[in-house]
N, C-alpha and C. Protein backbone atom coordinates (compact mmCIF):
# COMPACT_ATOMS: atom_id res chain seq x y z
N UNK A 1 -11.64 -19.42 7.80
CA UNK A 1 -11.61 -18.92 6.44
C UNK A 1 -10.22 -18.38 6.14
N UNK A 2 -9.64 -18.80 5.05
CA UNK A 2 -8.29 -18.38 4.68
C UNK A 2 -8.35 -17.10 3.85
N UNK A 3 -7.57 -16.10 4.28
CA UNK A 3 -7.52 -14.85 3.53
C UNK A 3 -6.40 -14.91 2.52
N UNK A 4 -6.60 -14.25 1.42
CA UNK A 4 -5.57 -14.14 0.41
C UNK A 4 -5.00 -12.74 0.48
N UNK A 5 -3.71 -12.63 0.59
CA UNK A 5 -3.06 -11.32 0.65
C UNK A 5 -2.13 -11.20 -0.54
N UNK A 6 -1.93 -9.99 -0.97
CA UNK A 6 -1.04 -9.78 -2.10
C UNK A 6 -0.96 -8.33 -2.47
N UNK A 7 -0.58 -8.08 -3.70
CA UNK A 7 -0.37 -6.72 -4.19
C UNK A 7 -0.96 -6.58 -5.58
N UNK A 8 -1.54 -5.43 -5.83
CA UNK A 8 -2.00 -5.09 -7.17
C UNK A 8 -0.99 -4.10 -7.74
N UNK A 9 -0.38 -4.45 -8.86
CA UNK A 9 0.66 -3.62 -9.47
C UNK A 9 0.08 -2.99 -10.73
N UNK A 10 0.01 -1.65 -10.73
CA UNK A 10 -0.52 -0.90 -11.86
C UNK A 10 0.64 -0.33 -12.66
N UNK A 11 0.48 -0.33 -13.98
CA UNK A 11 1.55 0.11 -14.89
C UNK A 11 1.16 1.41 -15.60
N UNK A 12 2.18 2.14 -16.04
CA UNK A 12 1.95 3.31 -16.89
C UNK A 12 1.42 2.82 -18.24
N UNK A 13 0.57 3.60 -18.90
CA UNK A 13 0.05 3.19 -20.22
C UNK A 13 1.16 2.90 -21.23
N UNK A 14 2.23 3.69 -21.19
CA UNK A 14 3.35 3.45 -22.11
C UNK A 14 4.02 2.11 -21.82
N UNK A 15 4.05 1.70 -20.55
CA UNK A 15 4.64 0.42 -20.19
C UNK A 15 3.80 -0.73 -20.74
N UNK A 16 2.48 -0.61 -20.62
CA UNK A 16 1.60 -1.66 -21.16
C UNK A 16 1.76 -1.77 -22.67
N UNK A 17 1.92 -0.63 -23.31
CA UNK A 17 2.13 -0.62 -24.76
C UNK A 17 3.46 -1.27 -25.12
N UNK A 18 4.52 -0.95 -24.36
CA UNK A 18 5.85 -1.51 -24.63
C UNK A 18 5.89 -3.02 -24.36
N UNK A 19 5.20 -3.47 -23.29
CA UNK A 19 5.19 -4.89 -22.96
C UNK A 19 4.30 -5.68 -23.91
N UNK A 20 3.31 -5.02 -24.48
CA UNK A 20 2.48 -5.62 -25.53
C UNK A 20 1.75 -6.89 -25.11
N UNK A 21 1.74 -7.85 -26.01
CA UNK A 21 1.03 -9.11 -25.80
C UNK A 21 1.63 -9.95 -24.68
N UNK A 22 2.91 -9.75 -24.38
CA UNK A 22 3.58 -10.57 -23.37
C UNK A 22 2.97 -10.39 -21.98
N UNK A 23 2.48 -9.20 -21.65
CA UNK A 23 1.93 -8.94 -20.31
C UNK A 23 0.45 -9.30 -20.20
N UNK A 24 -0.25 -9.39 -21.31
CA UNK A 24 -1.71 -9.56 -21.30
C UNK A 24 -2.22 -10.79 -20.54
N UNK A 25 -1.55 -11.94 -20.59
CA UNK A 25 -2.08 -13.09 -19.83
C UNK A 25 -2.07 -12.88 -18.31
N UNK A 26 -1.28 -11.93 -17.83
CA UNK A 26 -1.15 -11.71 -16.40
C UNK A 26 -2.00 -10.55 -15.89
N UNK A 27 -2.59 -9.78 -16.79
CA UNK A 27 -3.35 -8.59 -16.41
C UNK A 27 -4.78 -8.93 -16.00
N UNK A 28 -5.24 -8.26 -14.97
CA UNK A 28 -6.64 -8.30 -14.56
C UNK A 28 -7.19 -6.90 -14.79
N UNK A 29 -8.47 -6.81 -15.09
CA UNK A 29 -9.06 -5.50 -15.34
C UNK A 29 -9.92 -5.10 -14.16
N UNK A 30 -9.94 -3.81 -13.87
CA UNK A 30 -10.77 -3.27 -12.80
C UNK A 30 -11.11 -1.83 -13.15
N UNK A 31 -12.04 -1.22 -12.43
CA UNK A 31 -12.34 0.19 -12.70
C UNK A 31 -11.11 1.09 -12.54
N UNK A 32 -10.14 0.66 -11.72
CA UNK A 32 -8.91 1.43 -11.53
C UNK A 32 -7.91 1.24 -12.64
N UNK A 33 -8.18 0.32 -13.53
CA UNK A 33 -7.28 0.06 -14.65
C UNK A 33 -6.70 -1.33 -14.60
N UNK A 34 -6.03 -1.74 -15.68
CA UNK A 34 -5.42 -3.07 -15.70
C UNK A 34 -4.27 -3.16 -14.70
N UNK A 35 -4.16 -4.31 -14.05
CA UNK A 35 -3.12 -4.51 -13.05
C UNK A 35 -2.76 -5.99 -12.97
N UNK A 36 -1.63 -6.26 -12.35
CA UNK A 36 -1.19 -7.63 -12.08
C UNK A 36 -1.38 -7.87 -10.60
N UNK A 37 -2.06 -8.95 -10.24
CA UNK A 37 -2.26 -9.32 -8.84
C UNK A 37 -1.21 -10.37 -8.49
N UNK A 38 -0.37 -10.05 -7.51
CA UNK A 38 0.71 -10.99 -7.16
C UNK A 38 0.72 -11.25 -5.66
N UNK A 39 1.30 -12.39 -5.30
CA UNK A 39 1.36 -12.81 -3.90
C UNK A 39 2.49 -12.12 -3.16
N UNK A 40 3.65 -11.99 -3.80
CA UNK A 40 4.81 -11.36 -3.19
C UNK A 40 5.40 -10.37 -4.17
N UNK A 41 6.16 -9.41 -3.63
CA UNK A 41 6.79 -8.41 -4.49
C UNK A 41 8.12 -8.01 -3.88
N UNK A 42 9.11 -7.79 -4.73
CA UNK A 42 10.43 -7.32 -4.28
C UNK A 42 10.77 -6.09 -5.11
N UNK A 43 10.88 -4.95 -4.44
CA UNK A 43 11.14 -3.69 -5.14
C UNK A 43 12.59 -3.25 -5.03
N UNK A 44 13.45 -4.08 -4.47
CA UNK A 44 14.87 -3.72 -4.34
C UNK A 44 15.58 -4.03 -5.65
N UNK A 45 16.13 -3.03 -6.27
CA UNK A 45 16.87 -3.25 -7.50
C UNK A 45 16.24 -2.57 -8.69
N UNK A 46 16.83 -2.79 -9.85
CA UNK A 46 16.36 -2.16 -11.09
C UNK A 46 15.08 -2.80 -11.62
N UNK A 47 14.81 -4.03 -11.20
CA UNK A 47 13.60 -4.74 -11.63
C UNK A 47 12.68 -4.97 -10.44
N UNK A 48 11.39 -4.86 -10.66
CA UNK A 48 10.41 -5.24 -9.65
C UNK A 48 10.07 -6.70 -9.92
N UNK A 49 10.29 -7.54 -8.91
CA UNK A 49 10.02 -8.97 -9.04
C UNK A 49 8.68 -9.29 -8.39
N UNK A 50 7.78 -9.84 -9.16
CA UNK A 50 6.44 -10.19 -8.67
C UNK A 50 6.28 -11.70 -8.72
N UNK A 51 5.83 -12.30 -7.63
CA UNK A 51 5.54 -13.73 -7.58
C UNK A 51 4.04 -13.91 -7.75
N UNK A 52 3.66 -14.63 -8.80
CA UNK A 52 2.24 -14.83 -9.13
C UNK A 52 1.87 -16.29 -8.93
N UNK A 53 0.65 -16.52 -8.48
CA UNK A 53 0.09 -17.87 -8.39
C UNK A 53 -0.82 -18.06 -9.59
N UNK A 54 -0.47 -18.99 -10.47
CA UNK A 54 -1.24 -19.20 -11.71
C UNK A 54 -1.63 -20.68 -11.79
N UNK A 55 -2.38 -21.02 -12.84
CA UNK A 55 -2.73 -22.40 -13.13
C UNK A 55 -2.38 -22.72 -14.57
N UNK A 56 -1.88 -23.93 -14.77
CA UNK A 56 -1.59 -24.37 -16.13
C UNK A 56 -2.91 -24.72 -16.82
N UNK A 57 -2.84 -24.99 -18.11
CA UNK A 57 -4.05 -25.36 -18.85
C UNK A 57 -4.65 -26.67 -18.33
N UNK A 58 -3.82 -27.49 -17.66
CA UNK A 58 -4.31 -28.74 -17.06
C UNK A 58 -4.88 -28.52 -15.66
N UNK A 59 -4.81 -27.29 -15.15
CA UNK A 59 -5.35 -26.99 -13.82
C UNK A 59 -4.37 -27.11 -12.68
N UNK A 60 -3.10 -27.41 -12.97
CA UNK A 60 -2.08 -27.50 -11.91
C UNK A 60 -1.68 -26.11 -11.44
N UNK A 61 -1.51 -25.95 -10.13
CA UNK A 61 -1.05 -24.67 -9.58
C UNK A 61 0.44 -24.51 -9.86
N UNK A 62 0.82 -23.32 -10.27
CA UNK A 62 2.22 -23.03 -10.54
C UNK A 62 2.53 -21.62 -10.04
N UNK A 63 3.71 -21.48 -9.46
CA UNK A 63 4.17 -20.18 -8.98
C UNK A 63 5.20 -19.67 -9.99
N UNK A 64 4.99 -18.44 -10.48
CA UNK A 64 5.96 -17.91 -11.43
C UNK A 64 6.36 -16.50 -11.06
N UNK A 65 7.54 -16.10 -11.50
CA UNK A 65 8.04 -14.76 -11.23
C UNK A 65 8.00 -13.93 -12.49
N UNK A 66 7.46 -12.74 -12.35
CA UNK A 66 7.38 -11.79 -13.44
C UNK A 66 8.21 -10.59 -13.03
N UNK A 67 9.14 -10.18 -13.88
CA UNK A 67 10.02 -9.05 -13.57
C UNK A 67 9.89 -7.98 -14.63
N UNK A 68 9.73 -6.73 -14.18
CA UNK A 68 9.65 -5.59 -15.09
C UNK A 68 10.52 -4.47 -14.52
N UNK A 69 11.01 -3.57 -15.38
CA UNK A 69 11.78 -2.42 -14.87
C UNK A 69 10.93 -1.56 -13.94
N UNK A 70 11.54 -1.03 -12.90
CA UNK A 70 10.81 -0.24 -11.91
C UNK A 70 10.15 0.99 -12.51
N UNK A 71 10.72 1.56 -13.56
CA UNK A 71 10.14 2.78 -14.13
C UNK A 71 8.85 2.52 -14.91
N UNK A 72 8.45 1.26 -15.06
CA UNK A 72 7.19 0.93 -15.74
C UNK A 72 6.01 0.93 -14.77
N UNK A 73 6.29 0.87 -13.47
CA UNK A 73 5.24 0.73 -12.47
C UNK A 73 4.74 2.09 -12.01
N UNK A 74 3.43 2.28 -12.11
CA UNK A 74 2.80 3.53 -11.70
C UNK A 74 2.47 3.51 -10.21
N UNK A 75 1.97 2.36 -9.72
CA UNK A 75 1.52 2.30 -8.34
C UNK A 75 1.42 0.84 -7.90
N UNK A 76 1.69 0.60 -6.62
CA UNK A 76 1.52 -0.72 -6.02
C UNK A 76 0.55 -0.57 -4.86
N UNK A 77 -0.48 -1.41 -4.85
CA UNK A 77 -1.49 -1.36 -3.81
C UNK A 77 -1.47 -2.68 -3.05
N UNK A 78 -1.38 -2.61 -1.73
CA UNK A 78 -1.47 -3.81 -0.92
C UNK A 78 -2.92 -4.25 -0.91
N UNK A 79 -3.16 -5.51 -1.28
CA UNK A 79 -4.52 -6.01 -1.42
C UNK A 79 -4.78 -7.10 -0.40
N UNK A 80 -5.99 -7.10 0.14
CA UNK A 80 -6.42 -8.15 1.05
C UNK A 80 -7.78 -8.60 0.57
N UNK A 81 -7.90 -9.84 0.21
CA UNK A 81 -9.15 -10.27 -0.42
C UNK A 81 -10.02 -11.12 0.48
N UNK A 82 -10.27 -10.65 1.71
CA UNK A 82 -11.31 -11.32 2.47
C UNK A 82 -12.65 -10.91 1.88
N UNK A 83 -12.65 -9.83 1.11
CA UNK A 83 -13.76 -9.42 0.25
C UNK A 83 -13.16 -9.24 -1.13
N UNK A 84 -13.98 -8.97 -2.12
CA UNK A 84 -13.48 -8.78 -3.48
C UNK A 84 -12.64 -7.51 -3.54
N UNK A 85 -11.51 -7.57 -4.26
CA UNK A 85 -10.65 -6.41 -4.44
C UNK A 85 -11.24 -5.52 -5.51
N UNK A 86 -11.20 -4.24 -5.28
CA UNK A 86 -11.72 -3.32 -6.29
C UNK A 86 -11.77 -1.90 -5.78
N UNK A 87 -12.32 -1.05 -6.60
CA UNK A 87 -12.37 0.37 -6.28
C UNK A 87 -13.81 0.86 -6.20
N UNK A 88 -14.67 0.07 -5.63
CA UNK A 88 -16.07 0.46 -5.50
C UNK A 88 -16.31 1.18 -4.19
N UNK A 89 -17.57 1.50 -3.90
CA UNK A 89 -17.90 2.16 -2.64
C UNK A 89 -17.56 1.26 -1.47
N UNK A 90 -17.09 1.86 -0.42
CA UNK A 90 -16.71 1.11 0.78
C UNK A 90 -17.62 1.51 1.93
N UNK A 91 -17.92 0.58 2.82
CA UNK A 91 -18.75 0.94 3.97
C UNK A 91 -18.01 1.93 4.86
N UNK A 92 -18.77 2.81 5.48
CA UNK A 92 -18.15 3.81 6.36
C UNK A 92 -17.66 3.12 7.62
N UNK A 93 -16.47 3.48 8.03
CA UNK A 93 -15.90 2.95 9.26
C UNK A 93 -16.18 3.93 10.39
N UNK A 94 -16.56 3.39 11.54
CA UNK A 94 -16.79 4.24 12.70
C UNK A 94 -15.45 4.50 13.35
N UNK A 95 -15.14 5.77 13.51
CA UNK A 95 -13.87 6.13 14.14
C UNK A 95 -13.97 5.84 15.64
N UNK A 96 -12.96 5.20 16.16
CA UNK A 96 -12.91 4.93 17.58
C UNK A 96 -12.32 6.15 18.28
N UNK A 97 -13.00 6.60 19.32
CA UNK A 97 -12.51 7.77 20.05
C UNK A 97 -11.28 7.40 20.85
N UNK A 98 -10.27 8.21 20.75
CA UNK A 98 -9.06 8.01 21.52
C UNK A 98 -9.25 8.66 22.88
N UNK A 99 -9.02 7.93 23.96
CA UNK A 99 -9.22 8.54 25.27
C UNK A 99 -8.25 9.72 25.44
N UNK A 100 -8.80 10.77 26.00
CA UNK A 100 -7.99 11.97 26.23
C UNK A 100 -7.58 11.97 27.69
N UNK A 101 -6.30 12.11 27.93
CA UNK A 101 -5.79 12.16 29.29
C UNK A 101 -5.36 13.59 29.55
N UNK A 102 -5.93 14.19 30.60
CA UNK A 102 -5.57 15.56 30.96
C UNK A 102 -4.54 15.48 32.06
N UNK A 103 -3.37 16.04 31.80
CA UNK A 103 -2.30 16.05 32.78
C UNK A 103 -2.29 17.41 33.45
N UNK A 104 -2.51 17.46 34.78
CA UNK A 104 -2.50 18.77 35.44
C UNK A 104 -1.10 19.36 35.40
N UNK A 105 -1.06 20.65 35.17
CA UNK A 105 0.22 21.34 35.14
C UNK A 105 0.24 22.36 36.26
N UNK A 106 1.35 22.43 36.95
CA UNK A 106 1.49 23.41 38.03
C UNK A 106 1.62 24.79 37.43
N UNK A 107 1.05 25.77 38.13
CA UNK A 107 1.19 27.16 37.67
C UNK A 107 2.64 27.57 37.86
N UNK A 108 3.18 28.38 36.95
CA UNK A 108 4.58 28.78 37.10
C UNK A 108 4.76 29.60 38.37
N UNK A 109 5.85 29.33 39.05
CA UNK A 109 6.16 30.06 40.29
C UNK A 109 6.55 31.48 39.94
N UNK A 110 6.21 32.44 40.80
CA UNK A 110 6.61 33.82 40.52
C UNK A 110 8.12 33.94 40.56
N UNK A 111 8.64 34.79 39.72
CA UNK A 111 10.09 34.99 39.65
C UNK A 111 10.56 35.69 40.92
N UNK A 112 11.70 35.24 41.46
CA UNK A 112 12.22 35.91 42.66
C UNK A 112 12.66 37.34 42.31
N UNK A 113 12.62 38.21 43.33
CA UNK A 113 13.07 39.59 43.10
C UNK A 113 14.53 39.58 42.71
N UNK A 114 14.83 40.40 41.76
CA UNK A 114 16.20 40.50 41.28
C UNK A 114 17.06 41.21 42.32
N UNK A 115 18.28 40.69 42.61
CA UNK A 115 19.14 41.35 43.60
C UNK A 115 19.59 42.73 43.13
N UNK A 116 19.60 42.99 41.84
CA UNK A 116 20.06 44.28 41.32
C UNK A 116 18.93 45.29 41.26
N UNK A 117 17.72 44.88 41.64
CA UNK A 117 16.58 45.77 41.57
C UNK A 117 16.64 46.74 42.76
N UNK A 118 16.52 48.05 42.48
CA UNK A 118 16.57 49.01 43.60
C UNK A 118 15.33 48.86 44.48
N UNK A 119 15.51 49.05 45.78
CA UNK A 119 14.41 48.94 46.73
C UNK A 119 13.48 50.12 46.59
N UNK A 120 12.23 49.94 46.85
CA UNK A 120 11.26 51.02 46.73
C UNK A 120 11.01 51.69 48.02
């Protein structure tokens, strides 16, 4: 089974308003808010470059790059879709116990008598 990996990029509400209709074809909706799901992301520089896998109206696969100023992005979430991506309840994970290793420590040796100490 092939897993799909990528990133969910969430924007500030003001950014969505400023981008307007131009961003809407790329947005997906979720309980966490509208976001762009992309395969790759580059955050180095003034623009965040997102590589998206899309389909043309004829059904052909096309890879496109979407770039927005970094100050428009509220949060980036690494997504793995071996299950559906979302913000619903998650199954509880059982914590694996880390083995504890007890290292014996020697008791500190008594301090030698000081040569300047007067004899009793």
